[in-house]
Protein backbone atom coordinates (compact mmCIF):
# COMPACT_ATOMS: atom_id res chain seq x y z
CA MET A 1 63.54 98.80 92.59
CA PRO A 2 65.67 101.55 90.93
CA ARG A 3 69.42 101.41 91.48
CA ARG A 4 71.96 104.19 91.74
CA HIS A 5 74.48 104.23 88.91
CA ALA A 6 78.30 104.74 89.26
CA VAL A 7 80.64 105.34 86.47
CA VAL A 8 84.26 104.43 87.20
CA VAL A 9 86.81 106.13 84.99
CA GLY A 10 89.81 103.77 84.79
CA ALA A 11 90.19 100.03 85.24
CA GLY A 12 93.33 100.03 87.37
CA ILE A 13 93.50 98.37 90.76
CA GLY A 14 91.78 101.29 92.63
CA GLY A 15 89.01 101.67 90.06
CA LEU A 16 88.24 97.91 89.88
CA THR A 17 88.26 97.57 93.62
CA ALA A 18 85.78 100.46 94.02
CA ALA A 19 83.63 99.03 91.32
CA ILE A 20 83.54 95.60 93.04
CA ALA A 21 82.67 97.19 96.33
CA LEU A 22 79.74 99.26 94.95
CA HIS A 23 78.52 96.42 92.81
CA ARG A 24 78.28 94.30 96.00
CA ARG A 25 76.36 97.08 97.64
CA GLY A 26 73.72 96.92 94.96
CA TRP A 27 74.91 99.75 92.65
CA HIS A 28 74.74 99.50 88.85
CA VAL A 29 78.40 100.01 87.88
CA THR A 30 80.00 100.89 84.52
CA VAL A 31 83.81 100.97 84.24
CA CYS A 32 85.18 102.99 81.30
CA GLU A 33 88.85 102.11 80.47
CA ARG A 34 90.87 103.89 77.71
CA ALA A 35 93.01 100.90 76.93
CA PRO A 36 91.50 98.57 74.23
CA GLN A 37 91.91 95.38 76.41
CA PRO A 38 93.03 94.32 79.82
CA PRO A 39 96.88 94.43 80.37
CA THR A 40 98.79 91.20 79.72
CA THR A 41 102.24 92.45 80.58
CA GLY A 42 103.47 94.65 83.38
CA ALA A 43 105.28 94.46 86.68
CA GLY A 44 104.48 93.48 90.28
CA ILE A 45 102.58 95.07 93.10
CA GLY A 46 103.12 94.63 96.85
CA LEU A 47 99.99 94.22 99.07
CA ALA A 48 101.05 95.34 102.53
CA PRO A 49 99.06 94.45 105.61
CA ASN A 50 96.99 97.71 105.39
CA ALA A 51 95.91 96.88 101.83
CA LEU A 52 95.13 93.26 102.76
CA ARG A 53 92.95 94.48 105.64
CA ALA A 54 91.14 96.82 103.27
CA LEU A 55 90.54 93.99 100.74
CA ASP A 56 89.30 91.78 103.52
CA ALA A 57 86.86 94.48 104.65
CA LEU A 58 85.46 94.39 101.09
CA GLY A 59 85.12 90.56 101.04
CA ILE A 60 87.91 90.31 98.45
CA ASP A 61 90.12 87.29 99.10
CA ALA A 62 93.61 88.41 97.94
CA ALA A 63 95.11 85.04 98.64
CA HIS A 64 92.55 83.31 96.42
CA ALA A 65 93.10 85.92 93.72
CA ALA A 66 96.83 86.16 93.79
CA GLY A 67 98.33 83.25 95.79
CA THR A 68 99.82 82.99 99.24
CA SER A 69 103.61 82.76 98.67
CA VAL A 70 105.41 85.01 101.15
CA PRO A 71 109.17 86.02 101.07
CA GLU A 72 111.13 84.79 104.06
CA THR A 73 112.84 88.12 104.77
CA MET A 74 112.84 91.71 103.66
CA GLY A 75 116.19 93.47 103.61
CA LEU A 76 118.23 96.60 102.66
CA ARG A 77 121.82 96.33 101.37
CA ARG A 78 124.59 98.49 100.05
CA PHE A 79 125.71 98.18 96.44
CA ASP A 80 128.83 96.16 97.69
CA GLY A 81 126.42 93.62 99.37
CA ARG A 82 126.89 94.71 102.94
CA CYS A 83 123.50 94.26 104.84
CA LEU A 84 122.03 97.34 106.30
CA THR A 85 118.84 95.82 107.80
CA ARG A 86 116.84 92.66 107.60
CA THR A 87 113.31 91.82 108.84
CA GLY A 88 111.65 88.42 108.89
CA THR A 89 108.20 88.43 107.36
CA ALA A 90 107.19 86.21 110.29
CA ASP A 91 107.97 89.22 112.58
CA MET A 92 105.76 91.41 110.45
CA ALA A 93 102.93 88.81 110.45
CA ALA A 94 103.24 88.64 114.42
CA ARG A 95 103.02 92.40 114.72
CA TYR A 96 100.37 93.18 112.06
CA GLY A 97 98.36 90.06 111.89
CA ILE A 98 99.25 89.21 108.24
CA PRO A 99 102.47 89.29 106.19
CA PRO A 100 102.76 91.29 102.99
CA ILE A 101 102.50 89.52 99.67
CA ALA A 102 103.66 90.59 96.19
CA VAL A 103 101.65 89.60 93.07
CA PRO A 104 101.96 90.09 89.31
CA ARG A 105 99.97 93.21 88.54
CA PRO A 106 98.25 91.84 85.36
CA ALA A 107 97.16 88.72 87.12
CA PHE A 108 95.75 90.62 90.11
CA THR A 109 93.90 93.09 87.82
CA ALA A 110 92.44 90.24 85.90
CA ALA A 111 91.21 88.61 89.10
CA LEU A 112 89.56 91.89 90.16
CA ALA A 113 87.98 92.35 86.76
CA ALA A 114 86.57 88.73 86.89
CA ALA A 115 84.59 89.70 90.05
CA LEU A 116 82.46 92.17 88.00
CA PRO A 117 79.75 91.33 85.52
CA PRO A 118 81.22 91.37 82.06
CA GLU A 119 78.87 94.00 80.83
CA ALA A 120 80.19 96.44 83.51
CA LEU A 121 83.58 96.65 81.74
CA ARG A 122 84.00 98.90 78.77
CA TYR A 123 87.51 98.78 77.31
CA GLY A 124 88.47 101.14 74.51
CA THR A 125 86.22 103.77 75.99
CA PRO A 126 88.11 106.93 76.89
CA VAL A 127 86.21 109.48 79.02
CA THR A 128 86.69 112.84 77.44
CA ALA A 129 84.80 115.01 79.90
CA VAL A 130 82.31 114.90 82.93
CA ASP A 131 79.67 117.63 83.10
CA ASP A 132 78.31 117.82 86.70
CA ALA A 133 76.83 121.25 86.47
CA THR A 134 73.26 119.99 86.60
CA GLY A 135 73.63 117.81 89.71
CA ARG A 136 73.54 114.47 87.91
CA PRO A 137 76.85 114.00 85.97
CA THR A 138 76.89 113.46 82.28
CA ILE A 139 79.91 111.39 81.14
CA ARG A 140 81.19 111.96 77.63
CA THR A 141 83.24 109.28 76.01
CA ALA A 142 85.10 109.06 72.67
CA ALA A 143 83.22 105.86 71.93
CA GLY A 144 79.74 107.42 72.61
CA PRO A 145 76.92 107.69 73.52
CA ASP A 146 76.95 109.92 76.66
CA LEU A 147 76.26 108.22 80.02
CA THR A 148 74.49 109.65 83.02
CA ALA A 149 75.24 108.62 86.57
CA ASP A 150 74.67 109.37 90.21
CA LEU A 151 78.36 109.23 90.92
CA VAL A 152 81.53 109.38 88.97
CA ILE A 153 84.74 107.81 90.40
CA ALA A 154 87.89 109.35 88.92
CA ALA A 155 90.47 106.53 88.93
CA ASP A 156 92.18 107.68 85.78
CA GLY A 157 95.70 107.56 87.04
CA ILE A 158 98.61 109.82 87.70
CA ASN A 159 97.90 111.99 84.59
CA SER A 160 94.24 112.26 85.51
CA SER A 161 92.46 114.52 82.87
CA LEU A 162 89.51 114.82 85.29
CA ARG A 163 91.75 116.17 88.03
CA ARG A 164 93.24 118.85 85.63
CA ALA A 165 89.78 119.78 84.45
CA HIS A 166 88.16 120.29 87.87
CA PHE A 167 91.15 121.59 89.73
CA PRO A 168 92.69 123.90 87.16
CA ALA A 169 94.61 125.98 89.81
CA HIS A 170 96.38 122.93 91.28
CA PRO A 171 100.18 122.77 90.46
CA GLY A 172 99.84 119.22 89.16
CA LEU A 173 102.80 116.80 89.06
CA ARG A 174 106.40 117.20 90.32
CA TYR A 175 109.28 115.32 88.67
CA THR A 176 111.32 113.53 91.38
CA GLY A 177 114.56 113.55 89.39
CA GLU A 178 114.60 109.76 88.99
CA CYS A 179 113.76 107.23 86.28
CA ALA A 180 112.50 103.72 87.11
CA TRP A 181 112.81 100.39 85.30
CA ARG A 182 110.55 97.47 86.09
CA THR A 183 110.22 93.92 84.75
CA LEU A 184 109.40 90.32 85.61
CA VAL A 185 111.86 87.42 85.12
CA ASP A 186 111.93 83.66 85.70
CA ALA A 187 114.98 82.62 87.70
CA PRO A 188 114.07 79.47 89.78
CA ASP A 189 117.67 78.26 89.72
CA LEU A 190 118.81 81.32 91.71
CA ARG A 191 116.65 80.29 94.68
CA ILE A 192 115.88 83.88 95.63
CA GLU A 193 113.45 83.85 98.55
CA ALA A 194 114.05 87.29 100.11
CA MET A 195 112.63 90.60 99.18
CA SER A 196 115.54 93.07 99.02
CA GLU A 197 116.55 96.51 97.91
CA THR A 198 120.06 97.78 97.43
CA TRP A 199 121.15 101.46 97.59
CA GLY A 200 124.20 103.03 96.14
CA HIS A 201 125.30 106.44 94.58
CA GLY A 202 121.82 107.65 93.60
CA ARG A 203 120.71 104.35 92.34
CA ARG A 204 118.52 101.53 93.66
CA PHE A 205 117.83 97.93 92.64
CA GLY A 206 115.06 95.82 94.07
CA VAL A 207 114.13 92.18 93.95
CA THR A 208 110.77 90.87 94.99
CA PRO A 209 109.52 87.19 94.73
CA LEU A 210 105.98 87.05 93.46
CA THR A 211 103.29 84.61 94.33
CA ASP A 212 103.56 82.85 90.97
CA GLY A 213 107.26 82.00 91.39
CA ARG A 214 108.68 84.77 89.17
CA LEU A 215 110.79 87.77 90.37
CA TYR A 216 109.71 91.39 90.10
CA LEU A 217 112.75 93.46 89.42
CA TYR A 218 112.98 97.26 89.65
CA ALA A 219 115.70 99.84 89.54
CA THR A 220 116.01 103.66 89.82
CA ALA A 221 118.67 106.12 88.97
CA ARG A 222 119.00 109.85 89.10
CA VAL A 223 118.36 111.29 85.63
CA PRO A 224 117.92 114.88 84.90
CA ALA A 225 114.67 115.67 83.05
CA GLY A 226 114.89 115.43 79.40
CA THR A 227 118.37 114.00 79.09
CA ARG A 228 117.58 110.39 78.27
CA PRO A 229 117.55 109.13 74.63
CA ALA A 230 114.13 108.78 73.15
CA ASP A 231 114.51 104.97 72.47
CA PRO A 232 117.29 103.61 74.61
CA ASP A 233 118.42 100.00 74.95
CA ARG A 234 116.94 99.45 78.39
CA ARG A 235 118.87 96.19 78.83
CA ALA A 236 122.15 97.97 78.20
CA GLU A 237 121.25 100.85 80.53
CA LEU A 238 120.61 98.48 83.32
CA ARG A 239 123.79 96.57 82.71
CA ASP A 240 125.85 99.64 82.54
CA ARG A 241 124.40 101.12 85.84
CA PHE A 242 124.21 97.97 87.94
CA GLY A 243 126.42 95.29 86.42
CA SER A 244 129.21 95.75 89.02
CA TRP A 245 126.82 95.43 92.00
CA HIS A 246 126.71 92.43 94.40
CA ASP A 247 125.36 89.03 93.69
CA PRO A 248 122.73 88.04 92.57
CA ILE A 249 122.27 91.33 90.56
CA PRO A 250 124.62 90.50 87.77
CA ALA A 251 122.89 87.04 87.26
CA LEU A 252 119.50 88.79 87.25
CA LEU A 253 120.78 91.22 84.60
CA GLU A 254 121.62 88.15 82.49
CA ARG A 255 118.01 87.17 82.64
CA ILE A 256 117.03 90.62 81.65
CA GLU A 257 119.18 90.36 78.61
CA ARG A 258 117.04 87.55 77.43
CA LEU A 259 113.84 89.61 77.43
CA ASP A 260 112.09 91.44 74.70
CA PRO A 261 112.94 95.12 75.28
CA ALA A 262 109.23 95.86 75.25
CA ASP A 263 108.87 93.79 78.49
CA ILE A 264 110.98 96.29 80.40
CA LEU A 265 108.92 99.16 81.56
CA CYS A 266 110.67 102.52 81.93
CA ASN A 267 109.09 105.64 83.36
CA ASP A 268 110.16 108.90 84.85
CA LEU A 269 108.87 109.14 88.53
CA TYR A 270 106.44 111.92 89.40
CA ASP A 271 104.28 112.62 92.49
CA LEU A 272 101.62 115.19 93.20
CA ALA A 273 103.21 118.50 93.90
CA ALA A 274 100.70 119.39 96.62
CA PRO A 275 97.50 117.78 98.07
CA LEU A 276 94.26 118.44 96.32
CA PRO A 277 92.10 120.94 98.27
CA ARG A 278 89.55 118.09 98.53
CA LEU A 279 88.99 114.63 97.04
CA HIS A 280 85.58 115.35 95.56
CA HIS A 281 83.89 117.95 93.32
CA GLY A 282 80.11 117.82 93.12
CA ARG A 283 79.44 114.17 92.41
CA ILE A 284 82.92 113.33 91.16
CA VAL A 285 85.31 111.64 93.65
CA TRP A 286 89.02 110.93 93.11
CA LEU A 287 90.95 107.85 94.36
CA GLY A 288 94.28 106.33 93.88
CA ASP A 289 97.01 108.05 91.81
CA ALA A 290 94.41 110.43 90.39
CA ALA A 291 93.85 111.76 93.90
CA HIS A 292 97.25 111.46 95.60
CA ALA A 293 100.00 110.28 93.17
CA MET A 294 103.02 109.23 95.15
CA THR A 295 106.43 107.75 94.40
CA PRO A 296 106.76 103.96 94.76
CA ASN A 297 109.34 104.15 97.54
CA LEU A 298 107.01 102.75 100.23
CA GLY A 299 105.15 100.45 97.87
CA GLN A 300 101.94 102.20 98.86
CA GLY A 301 100.48 103.64 95.67
CA GLY A 302 98.25 100.59 94.94
CA CYS A 303 97.75 99.96 98.68
CA GLN A 304 96.36 103.45 99.25
CA ALA A 305 94.06 103.08 96.25
CA ILE A 306 92.59 100.01 97.78
CA GLU A 307 92.08 101.73 101.07
CA ASP A 308 90.39 104.62 99.22
CA ALA A 309 87.94 102.15 97.62
CA ALA A 310 87.11 100.50 100.91
CA VAL A 311 86.44 103.80 102.75
CA LEU A 312 84.38 105.20 99.89
CA ALA A 313 82.18 102.18 99.63
CA HIS A 314 81.70 102.07 103.38
CA LEU A 315 80.49 105.68 103.40
CA LEU A 316 78.19 105.63 100.39
CA PRO A 317 74.63 104.52 100.65
CA THR A 318 73.46 101.18 99.18
CA GLY A 319 72.65 101.27 95.46
CA HIS A 320 68.97 100.66 95.95
CA THR A 321 66.69 103.68 96.04
CA ASN A 322 63.12 103.81 97.38
CA THR A 323 60.56 105.21 95.02
CA THR A 324 58.30 106.25 97.86
CA ASP A 325 60.93 108.58 99.32
CA SER A 326 59.91 112.25 99.40
CA PRO A 327 61.62 114.36 96.82
CA ALA A 328 62.73 116.70 99.59
CA ARG A 329 64.57 113.93 101.38
CA THR A 330 68.20 114.72 101.76
CA ASP A 331 70.52 113.05 99.13
CA PRO A 332 73.13 111.06 101.13
CA ILE A 333 75.83 111.08 98.35
CA PRO A 334 77.19 114.63 98.78
CA GLY A 335 77.59 114.14 102.49
CA ALA A 336 79.32 110.79 101.96
CA LEU A 337 81.78 112.33 99.54
CA ALA A 338 82.60 115.17 102.02
CA ALA A 339 83.15 112.42 104.70
CA TYR A 340 85.43 110.52 102.28
CA THR A 341 87.66 113.68 101.85
CA THR A 342 87.80 114.01 105.65
CA ALA A 343 88.76 110.45 106.10
CA ARG A 344 91.30 110.10 103.37
CA ARG A 345 92.97 113.37 102.53
CA ASN A 346 95.32 113.70 105.53
CA ARG A 347 96.23 110.06 105.58
CA THR A 348 97.15 109.79 101.92
CA ASN A 349 98.96 113.15 101.99
CA ALA A 350 101.13 111.91 104.90
CA VAL A 351 101.93 108.71 103.02
CA ARG A 352 102.78 110.70 99.85
CA LEU A 353 105.23 112.98 101.83
CA ARG A 354 106.79 109.97 103.59
CA ALA A 355 107.38 108.23 100.28
CA ARG A 356 108.99 111.38 98.92
CA ARG A 357 111.38 111.51 101.92
CA ILE A 358 112.41 107.89 101.59
CA GLY A 359 113.14 108.54 97.95
CA ARG A 360 115.44 111.31 98.76
CA LEU A 361 117.40 109.09 101.20
CA GLY A 362 117.69 106.36 98.68
CA ALA A 363 118.88 108.67 95.98
CA LEU A 364 121.71 110.26 97.93
CA ARG A 365 125.01 110.55 96.03
CA ASN A 366 127.26 112.45 98.39
CA PRO A 367 129.65 109.77 100.01
CA LEU A 368 129.53 111.46 103.45
CA ALA A 369 125.70 111.65 103.38
CA MET A 370 125.42 108.10 102.21
CA ALA A 371 127.80 106.79 105.00
CA ALA A 372 125.82 108.76 107.65
CA ARG A 373 122.52 107.37 106.34
CA ASP A 374 123.83 103.78 106.21
CA LEU A 375 125.20 104.07 109.73
CA ALA A 376 121.89 105.28 111.05
CA ILE A 377 119.98 102.47 109.38
CA ARG A 378 122.32 99.81 110.72
CA ALA A 379 122.16 101.26 114.28
CA THR A 380 118.34 101.05 114.32
CA PRO A 381 117.09 97.86 116.04
CA THR A 382 114.61 95.79 114.02
CA ARG A 383 111.89 96.22 116.57
CA LEU A 384 112.16 100.01 116.36
CA ALA A 385 112.29 99.88 112.56
CA LEU A 386 109.07 97.76 112.63
CA ARG A 387 107.48 100.14 115.18
CA GLY A 388 108.14 103.04 112.80
CA MET A 389 105.72 101.38 110.38
CA ASP A 390 102.86 100.98 112.66
CA ASP A 391 101.04 104.09 111.53
CA LEU A 392 101.33 102.85 107.96
CA PHE A 393 100.43 99.13 108.29
CA ASN A 394 98.00 99.62 111.13
CA GLY A 395 96.60 102.89 109.77
CA PHE A 396 93.74 101.61 107.65
CA ARG A 397 90.39 101.99 109.39
CA LEU A 398 86.84 102.29 108.24
CA PRO A 399 85.15 105.51 109.59
CA GLY A 400 83.43 104.73 112.87
CA ASP A 401 85.83 101.92 113.77
CA ASN A 402 87.63 103.19 116.91
CA SER A 403 89.00 99.88 118.07
CA PRO A 404 92.78 99.64 118.80
CA PRO A 405 94.76 98.47 115.69
CA GLU A 406 95.70 95.16 117.34
CA HIS A 407 91.98 94.36 117.69
CA ARG A 408 90.98 95.73 114.34
CA THR A 409 90.14 92.73 112.25
CA TYR A 410 87.63 92.23 109.49
CA ARG A 411 85.86 89.18 108.22
CA PRO A 412 85.26 89.07 104.45
CA GLY A 413 82.27 91.18 103.52
CA GLU A 414 81.46 92.14 107.07
CA ALA A 415 81.62 95.92 106.51
CA LEU A 416 79.39 95.75 103.44
CA ARG A 417 76.37 93.94 104.76
């Protein structure tokens, strides 16, 4: 029986999750990735309850792929160490049915890739253009030859060339005014079991225990565009900006000093300046950062990409076609892509704007504004702070599932049968 063919542009978390979902629905899948090989270095990624529910709906066991270690608490502090808020992950599990976990991004990506047939993955294959004028897309790659497909999933990241090509009037990306550093360190002697973030004078420093025992460290600072040196000593930058902050940050900076500078990622932070008018064009569909790039302030970039993949797979037909069907029979793919836009555009845009607002709060530098912000955070009871996350952590749903969030559970693979 003939099978529908999907080409996924990009082997990041969103692209690989979508590829797995369609492969399990009977599609022939080809993943084209620009990088010559899978990543071996990188940072961490948090999988919040909404992302874990989406993975469960796809039959992907995140705990098996990434481990089950969970931080005891999540907290926010001032640069002098004063606690602003603290939440037990057990409280989150009680409210949302599952606690968040944080995993090394390369290991999680590798686990996703391993769920696909090896021949589905084509590394070192940049996609240069997609021509969908004739109704069945032609995918042109630098490696050649051209591919044809029934569907193209544009998961080519924040700088998506396919987004620029097919939405030329869109304003593109917006610089947030911040730079971010990220790395992984081993520090078992420090016995850090809490996920925490510290705010102070336009700067932030975060610590997240990962499922493999390492710590994911990240930091941000207000930096005017174009003012940083081309090849800075990133270890010295972090020491100068955060060396006087509360314990255990100085001890963690000592661990960073031992790293190869290449193991410290440094990127300016951008998000999408405005929502796309729609998340599809012909038979091309966008997901993840390519569709709705957002700042990392809520830890939802990868989580929303996973949600995208689950919803898209749910709406698309199975990969098997019937050769006895009449040629005049309505093609289900265009309607599925329109439904995907309807299901995902407003939610992802709301999360993008919320992440932007949180970033502005964390980047405050005016002492009076900072004092007012800190007072408001400390005065908010934990139960109310958790309730404020309900729309985010309970917000994932498959189209057609109208059950209340507290009853919305999925068994692995249930939605894809």
